[in-house]
Amino acid sequence: MRLVDLVEDAGNDLRKVDEAERRVIDEVRRLGQEVLEGWADGP
């Protein structure tokens, strides 16, 4: 799921926006972890 989709699905409902924010943060953390693991493993 794209980060934009998470935010767009929330619309104007503040509860959904809060949940979307948490999910975006989780996805960015997961992506960062994958990048760091790939970098640490090297070529």
PDB file of N, CA and C in Angstrom:
ATOM      1  N   MET A   1       0.860  -1.190   0.000  1.00  0.00           N
ATOM      2  CA  MET A   1       0.000   0.000   0.000  1.00  0.00           C
ATOM      3  C   MET A   1       0.896   1.240   0.000  1.00  0.00           C
ATOM      4  N   ARG A   2       0.559   2.155  -0.866  1.00  0.00           N
ATOM      5  CA  ARG A   2       1.312   3.400  -0.941  1.00  0.00           C
ATOM      6  C   ARG A   2       0.944   4.320   0.217  1.00  0.00           C
ATOM      7  N   LEU A   3       1.916   5.131   0.643  1.00  0.00           N
ATOM      8  CA  LEU A   3       1.666   6.058   1.750  1.00  0.00           C
ATOM      9  C   LEU A   3       0.553   7.032   1.400  1.00  0.00           C
ATOM     10  N   VAL A   4       0.504   7.471   0.173  1.00  0.00           N
ATOM     11  CA  VAL A   4      -0.545   8.405  -0.254  1.00  0.00           C
ATOM     12  C   VAL A   4      -1.917   7.768  -0.081  1.00  0.00           C
ATOM     13  N   ASP A   5      -2.029   6.484  -0.388  1.00  0.00           N
ATOM     14  CA  ASP A   5      -3.314   5.789  -0.238  1.00  0.00           C
ATOM     15  C   ASP A   5      -3.776   5.797   1.212  1.00  0.00           C
ATOM     16  N   LEU A   6      -2.842   5.623   2.139  1.00  0.00           N
ATOM     17  CA  LEU A   6      -3.201   5.622   3.557  1.00  0.00           C
ATOM     18  C   LEU A   6      -3.830   6.956   3.962  1.00  0.00           C
ATOM     19  N   VAL A   7      -3.249   8.034   3.485  1.00  0.00           N
ATOM     20  CA  VAL A   7      -3.742   9.365   3.843  1.00  0.00           C
ATOM     21  C   VAL A   7      -5.055   9.669   3.124  1.00  0.00           C
ATOM     22  N   GLU A   8      -5.126   9.348   1.839  1.00  0.00           N
ATOM     23  CA  GLU A   8      -6.340   9.634   1.073  1.00  0.00           C
ATOM     24  C   GLU A   8      -7.540   8.864   1.606  1.00  0.00           C
ATOM     25  N   ASP A   9      -7.330   7.639   2.072  1.00  0.00           N
ATOM     26  CA  ASP A   9      -8.423   6.835   2.605  1.00  0.00           C
ATOM     27  C   ASP A   9      -9.025   7.453   3.857  1.00  0.00           C
ATOM     28  N   ALA A  10      -8.255   8.261   4.564  1.00  0.00           N
ATOM     29  CA  ALA A  10      -8.720   8.859   5.814  1.00  0.00           C
ATOM     30  C   ALA A  10      -9.744   9.964   5.568  1.00  0.00           C
ATOM     31  N   GLY A  11      -9.641  10.636   4.441  1.00  0.00           N
ATOM     32  CA  GLY A  11     -10.566  11.734   4.170  1.00  0.00           C
ATOM     33  C   GLY A  11     -10.453  12.825   5.214  1.00  0.00           C
ATOM     34  N   ASN A  12     -11.591  13.302   5.704  1.00  0.00           N
ATOM     35  CA  ASN A  12     -11.600  14.371   6.711  1.00  0.00           C
ATOM     36  C   ASN A  12     -11.937  13.867   8.106  1.00  0.00           C
ATOM     37  N   ASP A  13     -12.081  12.573   8.274  1.00  0.00           N
ATOM     38  CA  ASP A  13     -12.407  12.003   9.578  1.00  0.00           C
ATOM     39  C   ASP A  13     -11.141  12.011  10.444  1.00  0.00           C
ATOM     40  N   LEU A  14     -11.139  12.817  11.498  1.00  0.00           N
ATOM     41  CA  LEU A  14      -9.935  12.993  12.315  1.00  0.00           C
ATOM     42  C   LEU A  14      -9.457  11.687  12.945  1.00  0.00           C
ATOM     43  N   ARG A  15     -10.381  10.800  13.315  1.00  0.00           N
ATOM     44  CA  ARG A  15      -9.954   9.513  13.878  1.00  0.00           C
ATOM     45  C   ARG A  15      -9.216   8.701  12.823  1.00  0.00           C
ATOM     46  N   LYS A  16      -9.730   8.732  11.602  1.00  0.00           N
ATOM     47  CA  LYS A  16      -9.068   8.012  10.520  1.00  0.00           C
ATOM     48  C   LYS A  16      -7.738   8.666  10.166  1.00  0.00           C
ATOM     49  N   VAL A  17      -7.672   9.983  10.270  1.00  0.00           N
ATOM     50  CA  VAL A  17      -6.427  10.691   9.988  1.00  0.00           C
ATOM     51  C   VAL A  17      -5.366  10.299  11.009  1.00  0.00           C
ATOM     52  N   ASP A  18      -5.738  10.211  12.281  1.00  0.00           N
ATOM     53  CA  ASP A  18      -4.790   9.787  13.313  1.00  0.00           C
ATOM     54  C   ASP A  18      -4.278   8.383  13.035  1.00  0.00           C
ATOM     55  N   GLU A  19      -5.167   7.491  12.657  1.00  0.00           N
ATOM     56  CA  GLU A  19      -4.775   6.118  12.337  1.00  0.00           C
ATOM     57  C   GLU A  19      -3.882   6.094  11.102  1.00  0.00           C
ATOM     58  N   ALA A  20      -4.224   6.889  10.105  1.00  0.00           N
ATOM     59  CA  ALA A  20      -3.412   6.958   8.890  1.00  0.00           C
ATOM     60  C   ALA A  20      -2.006   7.459   9.223  1.00  0.00           C
ATOM     61  N   GLU A  21      -1.929   8.437  10.103  1.00  0.00           N
ATOM     62  CA  GLU A  21      -0.619   8.959  10.510  1.00  0.00           C
ATOM     63  C   GLU A  21       0.217   7.858  11.161  1.00  0.00           C
ATOM     64  N   ARG A  22      -0.392   7.091  12.049  1.00  0.00           N
ATOM     65  CA  ARG A  22       0.332   5.989  12.705  1.00  0.00           C
ATOM     66  C   ARG A  22       0.807   4.963  11.687  1.00  0.00           C
ATOM     67  N   ARG A  23      -0.056   4.660  10.724  1.00  0.00           N
ATOM     68  CA  ARG A  23       0.309   3.669   9.709  1.00  0.00           C
ATOM     69  C   ARG A  23       1.427   4.178   8.811  1.00  0.00           C
ATOM     70  N   VAL A  24       1.390   5.467   8.455  1.00  0.00           N
ATOM     71  CA  VAL A  24       2.459   6.050   7.638  1.00  0.00           C
ATOM     72  C   VAL A  24       3.781   5.978   8.392  1.00  0.00           C
ATOM     73  N   ILE A  25       3.767   6.327   9.679  1.00  0.00           N
ATOM     74  CA  ILE A  25       4.977   6.266  10.490  1.00  0.00           C
ATOM     75  C   ILE A  25       5.513   4.843  10.536  1.00  0.00           C
ATOM     76  N   ASP A  26       4.634   3.870  10.738  1.00  0.00           N
ATOM     77  CA  ASP A  26       5.048   2.466  10.760  1.00  0.00           C
ATOM     78  C   ASP A  26       5.679   2.057   9.431  1.00  0.00           C
ATOM     79  N   GLU A  27       5.070   2.470   8.321  1.00  0.00           N
ATOM     80  CA  GLU A  27       5.588   2.110   7.005  1.00  0.00           C
ATOM     81  C   GLU A  27       6.955   2.745   6.753  1.00  0.00           C
ATOM     82  N   VAL A  28       7.123   4.004   7.151  1.00  0.00           N
ATOM     83  CA  VAL A  28       8.409   4.679   6.970  1.00  0.00           C
ATOM     84  C   VAL A  28       9.478   4.003   7.817  1.00  0.00           C
ATOM     85  N   ARG A  29       9.142   3.624   9.035  1.00  0.00           N
ATOM     86  CA  ARG A  29      10.095   2.907   9.889  1.00  0.00           C
ATOM     87  C   ARG A  29      10.487   1.573   9.261  1.00  0.00           C
ATOM     88  N   ARG A  30       9.499   0.854   8.747  1.00  0.00           N
ATOM     89  CA  ARG A  30       9.760  -0.441   8.110  1.00  0.00           C
ATOM     90  C   ARG A  30      10.670  -0.264   6.891  1.00  0.00           C
ATOM     91  N   LEU A  31      10.383   0.755   6.079  1.00  0.00           N
ATOM     92  CA  LEU A  31      11.203   1.031   4.908  1.00  0.00           C
ATOM     93  C   LEU A  31      12.636   1.387   5.320  1.00  0.00           C
ATOM     94  N   GLY A  32      12.764   2.217   6.331  1.00  0.00           N
ATOM     95  CA  GLY A  32      14.092   2.587   6.832  1.00  0.00           C
ATOM     96  C   GLY A  32      14.868   1.379   7.311  1.00  0.00           C
ATOM     97  N   GLN A  33      14.201   0.484   8.009  1.00  0.00           N
ATOM     98  CA  GLN A  33      14.842  -0.737   8.496  1.00  0.00           C
ATOM     99  C   GLN A  33      15.324  -1.595   7.329  1.00  0.00           C
ATOM    100  N   GLU A  34      14.491  -1.738   6.304  1.00  0.00           N
ATOM    101  CA  GLU A  34      14.874  -2.528   5.127  1.00  0.00           C
ATOM    102  C   GLU A  34      16.088  -1.916   4.434  1.00  0.00           C
ATOM    103  N   VAL A  35      16.101  -0.594   4.314  1.00  0.00           N
ATOM    104  CA  VAL A  35      17.225   0.091   3.662  1.00  0.00           C
ATOM    105  C   VAL A  35      18.503  -0.123   4.464  1.00  0.00           C
ATOM    106  N   LEU A  36      18.432   0.043   5.774  1.00  0.00           N
ATOM    107  CA  LEU A  36      19.622  -0.130   6.606  1.00  0.00           C
ATOM    108  C   LEU A  36      20.124  -1.568   6.585  1.00  0.00           C
ATOM    109  N   GLU A  37      19.213  -2.525   6.590  1.00  0.00           N
ATOM    110  CA  GLU A  37      19.631  -3.925   6.527  1.00  0.00           C
ATOM    111  C   GLU A  37      20.300  -4.230   5.183  1.00  0.00           C
ATOM    112  N   GLY A  38      19.747  -3.688   4.102  1.00  0.00           N
ATOM    113  CA  GLY A  38      20.350  -3.874   2.786  1.00  0.00           C
ATOM    114  C   GLY A  38      21.724  -3.256   2.719  1.00  0.00           C
ATOM    115  N   TRP A  39      21.875  -2.084   3.293  1.00  0.00           N
ATOM    116  CA  TRP A  39      23.159  -1.410   3.304  1.00  0.00           C
ATOM    117  C   TRP A  39      24.171  -2.195   4.140  1.00  0.00           C
ATOM    118  N   ALA A  40      23.723  -2.699   5.297  1.00  0.00           N
ATOM    119  CA  ALA A  40      24.627  -3.438   6.184  1.00  0.00           C
ATOM    120  C   ALA A  40      25.081  -4.757   5.547  1.00  0.00           C
ATOM    121  N   ASP A  41      24.209  -5.390   4.770  1.00  0.00           N
ATOM    122  CA  ASP A  41      24.563  -6.644   4.111  1.00  0.00           C
ATOM    123  C   ASP A  41      25.559  -6.416   2.988  1.00  0.00           C
ATOM    124  N   GLY A  42      25.566  -5.228   2.426  1.00  0.00           N
ATOM    125  CA  GLY A  42      26.490  -4.903   1.343  1.00  0.00           C
ATOM    126  C   GLY A  42      26.135  -5.608   0.050  1.00  0.00           C
ATOM    127  N   PRO A  43      26.979  -5.362  -0.952  1.00  0.00           N
ATOM    128  CA  PRO A  43      26.705  -5.952  -2.272  1.00  0.00           C
ATOM    129  C   PRO A  43      26.946  -7.448  -2.315  1.00  0.00           C
TER     130      PRO A  43
END
